[in-house]
C-alpha atoms as a PDB file:
ATOM      1  CA  MET A   1     141.870 125.564  37.675  1.00  0.00           C
ATOM      2  CA  LYS A   2     139.678 124.957  34.969  1.00  0.00           C
ATOM      3  CA  ASN A   3     138.258 127.274  32.623  1.00  0.00           C
ATOM      4  CA  ASN A   4     135.045 126.393  34.190  1.00  0.00           C
ATOM      5  CA  SER A   5     136.238 127.040  37.596  1.00  0.00           C
ATOM      6  CA  CYS A   6     137.244 130.868  36.053  1.00  0.00           C
ATOM      7  CA  ARG A   7     134.382 130.909  34.391  1.00  0.00           C
ATOM      8  CA  GLU A   8     132.070 130.959  37.788  1.00  0.00           C
ATOM      9  CA  LEU A   9     134.497 134.085  39.489  1.00  0.00           C
ATOM     10  CA  ALA A  10     133.465 135.907  36.717  1.00  0.00           C
ATOM     11  CA  THR A  11     129.756 135.118  36.671  1.00  0.00           C
ATOM     12  CA  ALA A  12     128.001 132.984  38.803  1.00  0.00           C
ATOM     13  CA  THR A  13     128.290 135.197  42.058  1.00  0.00           C
ATOM     14  CA  SER A  14     125.811 137.876  41.094  1.00  0.00           C
ATOM     15  CA  THR A  15     122.509 136.204  41.311  1.00  0.00           C
ATOM     16  CA  SER A  16     120.806 139.567  41.110  1.00  0.00           C
ATOM     17  CA  SER A  17     118.160 140.043  37.927  1.00  0.00           C
ATOM     18  CA  SER A  18     119.099 143.713  37.516  1.00  0.00           C
ATOM     19  CA  CYS A  19     122.579 145.969  37.649  1.00  0.00           C
ATOM     20  CA  ILE A  20     124.672 146.275  40.416  1.00  0.00           C
ATOM     21  CA  SER A  21     125.743 150.498  41.319  1.00  0.00           C
ATOM     22  CA  LEU A  22     128.757 150.940  43.301  1.00  0.00           C
ATOM     23  CA  THR A  23     129.932 154.184  44.304  1.00  0.00           C
ATOM     24  CA  VAL A  24     133.935 153.852  44.007  1.00  0.00           C
ATOM     25  CA  TRP A  25     135.797 156.506  46.200  1.00  0.00           C
ATOM     26  CA  ARG A  26     139.653 156.225  45.524  1.00  0.00           C
ATOM     27  CA  LYS A  27     140.529 156.972  49.187  1.00  0.00           C
ATOM     28  CA  SER A  28     141.438 154.407  51.922  1.00  0.00           C
ATOM     29  CA  LEU A  29     139.724 154.615  55.275  1.00  0.00           C
ATOM     30  CA  ILE A  30     143.289 154.126  56.739  1.00  0.00           C
ATOM     31  CA  PHE A  31     144.982 157.284  57.006  1.00  0.00           C
ATOM     32  CA  SER A  32     148.587 156.025  56.168  1.00  0.00           C
ATOM     33  CA  CYS A  33     147.189 154.488  52.963  1.00  0.00           C
ATOM     34  CA  LYS A  34     146.438 154.900  49.922  1.00  0.00           C
ATOM     35  CA  GLY A  35     143.474 152.763  47.666  1.00  0.00           C
ATOM     36  CA  PHE A  36     139.855 152.394  47.508  1.00  0.00           C
ATOM     37  CA  THR A  37     136.437 152.388  49.085  1.00  0.00           C
ATOM     38  CA  VAL A  38     133.941 150.736  47.472  1.00  0.00           C
ATOM     39  CA  ILE A  39     130.024 151.579  48.871  1.00  0.00           C
ATOM     40  CA  GLY A  40     126.672 149.738  47.699  1.00  0.00           C
ATOM     41  CA  ALA A  41     123.248 151.558  46.928  1.00  0.00           C
ATOM     42  CA  ASP A  42     122.487 150.700  50.577  1.00  0.00           C
ATOM     43  CA  GLY A  43     125.431 152.700  51.663  1.00  0.00           C
ATOM     44  CA  SER A  44     127.120 149.871  53.272  1.00  0.00           C
ATOM     45  CA  LEU A  45     131.066 149.118  52.800  1.00  0.00           C
ATOM     46  CA  VAL A  46     131.709 146.521  49.935  1.00  0.00           C
ATOM     47  CA  TYR A  47     135.016 146.586  49.082  1.00  0.00           C
ATOM     48  CA  ARG A  48     137.911 147.776  50.067  1.00  0.00           C
ATOM     49  CA  VAL A  49     141.741 148.321  48.953  1.00  0.00           C
ATOM     50  CA  ASP A  50     144.296 149.744  51.697  1.00  0.00           C
ATOM     51  CA  ASN A  51     147.689 148.084  50.500  1.00  0.00           C
ATOM     52  CA  TYR A  52     147.876 150.313  47.278  1.00  0.00           C
ATOM     53  CA  SER A  53     150.809 151.701  48.521  1.00  0.00           C
ATOM     54  CA  GLY A  54     152.280 149.074  50.036  1.00  0.00           C
ATOM     55  CA  ARG A  55     154.227 145.717  47.960  1.00  0.00           C
ATOM     56  CA  GLY A  56     155.103 147.322  44.206  1.00  0.00           C
ATOM     57  CA  GLY A  57     153.075 145.903  42.144  1.00  0.00           C
ATOM     58  CA  GLN A  58     150.750 144.137  44.118  1.00  0.00           C
ATOM     59  CA  ILE A  59     147.456 144.925  45.074  1.00  0.00           C
ATOM     60  CA  THR A  60     144.566 142.882  47.499  1.00  0.00           C
ATOM     61  CA  LEU A  61     141.225 143.487  46.819  1.00  0.00           C
ATOM     62  CA  MET A  62     139.173 142.701  50.149  1.00  0.00           C
ATOM     63  CA  ASP A  63     135.399 142.722  51.349  1.00  0.00           C
ATOM     64  CA  GLY A  64     134.209 145.238  53.731  1.00  0.00           C
ATOM     65  CA  SER A  65     135.298 142.739  56.706  1.00  0.00           C
ATOM     66  CA  GLY A  66     138.416 143.327  55.172  1.00  0.00           C
ATOM     67  CA  LYS A  67     138.980 139.330  53.961  1.00  0.00           C
ATOM     68  CA  ALA A  68     140.661 138.594  50.411  1.00  0.00           C
ATOM     69  CA  ILE A  69     138.875 138.088  47.487  1.00  0.00           C
ATOM     70  CA  LEU A  70     141.655 139.158  44.603  1.00  0.00           C
ATOM     71  CA  THR A  71     144.861 139.975  44.450  1.00  0.00           C
ATOM     72  CA  ILE A  72     146.412 141.405  41.295  1.00  0.00           C
ATOM     73  CA  CYS A  73     149.953 141.611  40.410  1.00  0.00           C
ATOM     74  CA  ARG A  74     152.418 142.874  37.573  1.00  0.00           C
ATOM     75  CA  HIS A  75     154.429 140.480  35.852  1.00  0.00           C
ATOM     76  CA  LYS A  76     158.091 140.787  36.445  1.00  0.00           C
ATOM     77  CA  LYS A  77     160.519 138.746  34.257  1.00  0.00           C
ATOM     78  CA  LEU A  78     164.196 138.564  34.499  1.00  0.00           C
ATOM     79  CA  ARG A  79     163.871 141.805  36.819  1.00  0.00           C
ATOM     80  CA  LEU A  80     161.610 143.669  34.363  1.00  0.00           C
ATOM     81  CA  VAL A  81     158.378 144.864  34.463  1.00  0.00           C
ATOM     82  CA  ASP A  82     156.144 144.209  31.624  1.00  0.00           C
ATOM     83  CA  ASN A  83     153.193 145.488  30.455  1.00  0.00           C
ATOM     84  CA  ASN A  84     151.023 142.612  31.562  1.00  0.00           C
ATOM     85  CA  TRP A  85     149.066 141.150  34.858  1.00  0.00           C
ATOM     86  CA  PHE A  86     147.888 138.185  36.793  1.00  0.00           C
ATOM     87  CA  ILE A  87     144.493 137.862  39.195  1.00  0.00           C
ATOM     88  CA  TYR A  88     144.749 135.569  42.175  1.00  0.00           C
ATOM     89  CA  GLU A  89     142.277 133.627  43.989  1.00  0.00           C
ATOM     90  CA  GLY A  90     142.805 135.383  47.925  1.00  0.00           C
ATOM     91  CA  GLU A  91     145.853 136.826  49.000  1.00  0.00           C
ATOM     92  CA  VAL A  92     149.383 135.570  47.451  1.00  0.00           C
ATOM     93  CA  GLY A  93     153.165 136.128  48.279  1.00  0.00           C
ATOM     94  CA  ASP A  94     156.078 137.615  46.355  1.00  0.00           C
ATOM     95  CA  ASP A  95     157.161 134.755  45.013  1.00  0.00           C
ATOM     96  CA  ASN A  96     153.813 134.000  42.605  1.00  0.00           C
ATOM     97  CA  TYR A  97     154.870 136.469  40.121  1.00  0.00           C
ATOM     98  CA  ASN A  98     158.360 136.967  40.707  1.00  0.00           C
ATOM     99  CA  SER A  99     160.282 134.397  38.481  1.00  0.00           C
ATOM    100  CA  SER A 100     163.419 134.624  40.474  1.00  0.00           C
ATOM    101  CA  SER A 101     161.850 133.709  43.773  1.00  0.00           C
ATOM    102  CA  SER A 102     163.572 130.048  44.800  1.00  0.00           C
ATOM    103  CA  LYS A 103     160.462 128.503  45.304  1.00  0.00           C
ATOM    104  CA  SER A 104     159.354 125.907  43.175  1.00  0.00           C
ATOM    105  CA  SER A 105     156.794 126.506  40.533  1.00  0.00           C
ATOM    106  CA  SER A 106     154.737 123.663  41.664  1.00  0.00           C
ATOM    107  CA  SER A 107     154.589 125.319  45.629  1.00  0.00           C
ATOM    108  CA  ARG A 108     153.133 128.613  44.012  1.00  0.00           C
ATOM    109  CA  LYS A 109     149.183 129.402  43.330  1.00  0.00           C
ATOM    110  CA  LYS A 110     148.339 129.647  40.208  1.00  0.00           C
ATOM    111  CA  PRO A 111     146.525 132.408  38.475  1.00  0.00           C
ATOM    112  CA  ILE A 112     142.981 132.420  37.538  1.00  0.00           C
ATOM    113  CA  PHE A 113     142.891 135.188  35.169  1.00  0.00           C
ATOM    114  CA  SER A 114     145.614 137.405  32.982  1.00  0.00           C
ATOM    115  CA  VAL A 115     145.607 140.755  31.912  1.00  0.00           C
ATOM    116  CA  LYS A 116     147.236 142.452  28.876  1.00  0.00           C
ATOM    117  CA  LYS A 117     148.127 145.944  28.485  1.00  0.00           C
ATOM    118  CA  GLN A 118     147.213 146.700  24.979  1.00  0.00           C
ATOM    119  CA  MET A 119     150.412 148.844  23.088  1.00  0.00           C
ATOM    120  CA  LYS A 120     148.671 151.410  21.025  1.00  0.00           C
ATOM    121  CA  ILE A 121     151.245 151.466  18.721  1.00  0.00           C
ATOM    122  CA  LEU A 122     150.623 147.557  17.866  1.00  0.00           C
ATOM    123  CA  HIS A 123     146.842 148.175  17.238  1.00  0.00           C
ATOM    124  CA  SER A 124     144.458 149.706  15.013  1.00  0.00           C
ATOM    125  CA  ASN A 125     141.513 150.285  17.366  1.00  0.00           C
ATOM    126  CA  ILE A 126     143.287 152.958  20.029  1.00  0.00           C
ATOM    127  CA  ASN A 127     139.791 152.579  22.015  1.00  0.00           C
ATOM    128  CA  VAL A 128     140.976 149.135  23.276  1.00  0.00           C
ATOM    129  CA  LEU A 129     142.931 149.422  26.672  1.00  0.00           C
ATOM    130  CA  ALA A 130     143.506 145.583  27.708  1.00  0.00           C
ATOM    131  CA  HIS A 131     142.301 141.858  27.332  1.00  0.00           C
ATOM    132  CA  VAL A 132     141.678 139.856  29.530  1.00  0.00           C
ATOM    133  CA  TYR A 133     142.436 135.681  29.523  1.00  0.00           C
ATOM    134  CA  TYR A 134     141.177 133.120  31.652  1.00  0.00           C
ATOM    135  CA  GLN A 135     144.402 131.518  33.225  1.00  0.00           C
ATOM    136  CA  GLY A 136     147.493 132.606  31.199  1.00  0.00           C
ATOM    137  CA  ILE A 137     147.910 135.283  28.359  1.00  0.00           C
ATOM    138  CA  SER A 138     149.935 131.769  26.512  1.00  0.00           C
ATOM    139  CA  GLU A 139     146.452 131.665  25.173  1.00  0.00           C
ATOM    140  CA  LYS A 140     145.253 132.955  22.311  1.00  0.00           C
ATOM    141  CA  ARG A 141     141.852 133.808  22.838  1.00  0.00           C
ATOM    142  CA  TYR A 142     140.747 136.637  25.011  1.00  0.00           C
ATOM    143  CA  SER A 143     137.802 136.623  26.938  1.00  0.00           C
ATOM    144  CA  TYR A 144     136.915 139.954  27.977  1.00  0.00           C
ATOM    145  CA  ILE A 145     138.027 143.180  26.299  1.00  0.00           C
ATOM    146  CA  ILE A 146     138.374 146.682  27.882  1.00  0.00           C
ATOM    147  CA  GLU A 147     137.581 149.745  26.050  1.00  0.00           C
ATOM    148  CA  GLY A 148     137.459 154.045  26.327  1.00  0.00           C
ATOM    149  CA  SER A 149     139.099 155.940  28.829  1.00  0.00           C
ATOM    150  CA  TYR A 150     139.747 155.679  32.182  1.00  0.00           C
ATOM    151  CA  ALA A 151     141.104 158.778  32.901  1.00  0.00           C
ATOM    152  CA  ASN A 152     137.918 160.425  31.854  1.00  0.00           C
ATOM    153  CA  ARG A 153     136.677 157.520  33.895  1.00  0.00           C
ATOM    154  CA  SER A 154     134.814 155.810  31.067  1.00  0.00           C
ATOM    155  CA  CYS A 155     135.024 152.497  30.305  1.00  0.00           C
ATOM    156  CA  LYS A 156     133.243 149.157  29.180  1.00  0.00           C
ATOM    157  CA  VAL A 157     133.981 145.313  29.493  1.00  0.00           C
ATOM    158  CA  LEU A 158     132.769 143.632  27.140  1.00  0.00           C
ATOM    159  CA  ASP A 159     132.186 139.762  26.763  1.00  0.00           C
ATOM    160  CA  ALA A 160     134.693 138.913  23.937  1.00  0.00           C
ATOM    161  CA  GLU A 161     131.822 136.490  22.273  1.00  0.00           C
ATOM    162  CA  SER A 162     128.736 137.924  22.579  1.00  0.00           C
ATOM    163  CA  ARG A 163     130.606 142.116  22.531  1.00  0.00           C
ATOM    164  CA  ASN A 164     127.956 142.738  25.542  1.00  0.00           C
ATOM    165  CA  VAL A 165     128.700 144.837  28.225  1.00  0.00           C
ATOM    166  CA  VAL A 166     129.186 143.430  31.420  1.00  0.00           C
ATOM    167  CA  ALA A 167     130.798 145.929  33.685  1.00  0.00           C
ATOM    168  CA  GLU A 168     131.077 149.792  33.033  1.00  0.00           C
ATOM    169  CA  ILE A 169     132.499 153.067  34.568  1.00  0.00           C
ATOM    170  CA  ARG A 170     131.365 156.169  34.545  1.00  0.00           C
ATOM    171  CA  LYS A 171     131.378 159.400  36.296  1.00  0.00           C
ATOM    172  CA  LYS A 172     129.391 159.861  39.065  1.00  0.00           C
ATOM    173  CA  LYS A 173     126.706 162.533  38.457  1.00  0.00           C
ATOM    174  CA  ALA A 174     125.240 165.136  41.268  1.00  0.00           C
ATOM    175  CA  VAL A 175     122.038 165.010  42.860  1.00  0.00           C
ATOM    176  CA  THR A 176     122.111 168.684  43.597  1.00  0.00           C
ATOM    177  CA  ASP A 177     123.056 171.417  41.203  1.00  0.00           C
ATOM    178  CA  GLY A 178     126.500 173.172  42.346  1.00  0.00           C
ATOM    179  CA  VAL A 179     128.415 169.421  43.294  1.00  0.00           C
ATOM    180  CA  THR A 180     131.341 168.219  41.272  1.00  0.00           C
ATOM    181  CA  PHE A 181     132.724 164.580  42.909  1.00  0.00           C
ATOM    182  CA  GLY A 182     135.793 164.620  39.678  1.00  0.00           C
ATOM    183  CA  LEU A 183     137.753 161.980  38.927  1.00  0.00           C
ATOM    184  CA  GLU A 184     138.333 160.481  42.671  1.00  0.00           C
ATOM    185  CA  VAL A 185     134.571 159.383  43.340  1.00  0.00           C
ATOM    186  CA  PHE A 186     132.605 157.598  40.361  1.00  0.00           C
ATOM    187  CA  VAL A 187     130.691 155.074  39.481  1.00  0.00           C
ATOM    188  CA  LEU A 188     130.957 150.894  38.652  1.00  0.00           C
ATOM    189  CA  VAL A 189     127.618 149.363  37.207  1.00  0.00           C
ATOM    190  CA  VAL A 190     128.046 145.988  37.208  1.00  0.00           C
ATOM    191  CA  MET A 191     125.173 143.968  34.789  1.00  0.00           C
ATOM    192  CA  PRO A 192     123.106 140.835  35.999  1.00  0.00           C
ATOM    193  CA  GLY A 193     125.160 137.598  36.204  1.00  0.00           C
ATOM    194  CA  PHE A 194     128.647 139.365  36.275  1.00  0.00           C
ATOM    195  CA  ASP A 195     130.565 139.118  39.464  1.00  0.00           C
ATOM    196  CA  SER A 196     130.602 142.979  41.412  1.00  0.00           C
ATOM    197  CA  GLY A 197     134.385 141.675  43.047  1.00  0.00           C
ATOM    198  CA  PHE A 198     136.057 141.058  39.461  1.00  0.00           C
ATOM    199  CA  ALA A 199     134.656 144.127  37.789  1.00  0.00           C
ATOM    200  CA  MET A 200     136.390 146.106  40.857  1.00  0.00           C
ATOM    201  CA  GLY A 201     139.499 143.974  40.121  1.00  0.00           C
ATOM    202  CA  MET A 202     139.305 145.615  36.676  1.00  0.00           C
ATOM    203  CA  VAL A 203     138.960 149.004  38.270  1.00  0.00           C
ATOM    204  CA  LEU A 204     142.537 148.253  40.346  1.00  0.00           C
ATOM    205  CA  LEU A 205     143.991 147.175  37.133  1.00  0.00           C
ATOM    206  CA  LEU A 206     142.700 150.279  34.961  1.00  0.00           C
ATOM    207  CA  ASP A 207     144.232 152.030  37.821  1.00  0.00           C
ATOM    208  CA  GLN A 208     147.737 150.768  37.782  1.00  0.00           C
ATOM    209  CA  MET A 209     147.838 150.917  33.802  1.00  0.00           C
ATOM    210  CA  PHE A 210     146.696 154.355  33.006  1.00  0.00           C
ATOM    211  CA  PRO A 211     147.818 156.128  36.924  1.00  0.00           C
END
């Protein structure tokens, strides 16, 4: 997949001239699963995650109808787990991220993005949480930077070149006095021109990196 195709996933889907505000509930609609439920401003179900406690190291983001949009896999190498994650379009199998799989590399689905968690001890800017790369971590130049504190539900996804904020995680404010949402319900704000599904993928990654 060429870089232009990858960029389309992150930028071309949203055509709204205004920000998109989504309410993210850290809870699955299915009783036996952990996951996420994402509600739009009109009260509709926009995204859902129901397999959060299923296959280790793999999460699938679905739209409201249950169609797989993105799959996030933690990279495994020689049975060890490192600080790299891969993002695939649609749904994939375990052989896509397990290097010990007997299937040939040509038959595996290729990741469209990769994300590397920032090791604080190796970086002077402790505000940086992760870097997002097109196609592979082998590329030296990252495309997006994630900064802030997921524990406090205060994060920003920035374009690496322009430093413009393309998505932001915020605490949800109560409409009336005396109502507290805590950390399980928060707001994802997506800027015009940035894909809300990809932004939600960043939320899932942060939840994996900073449980």
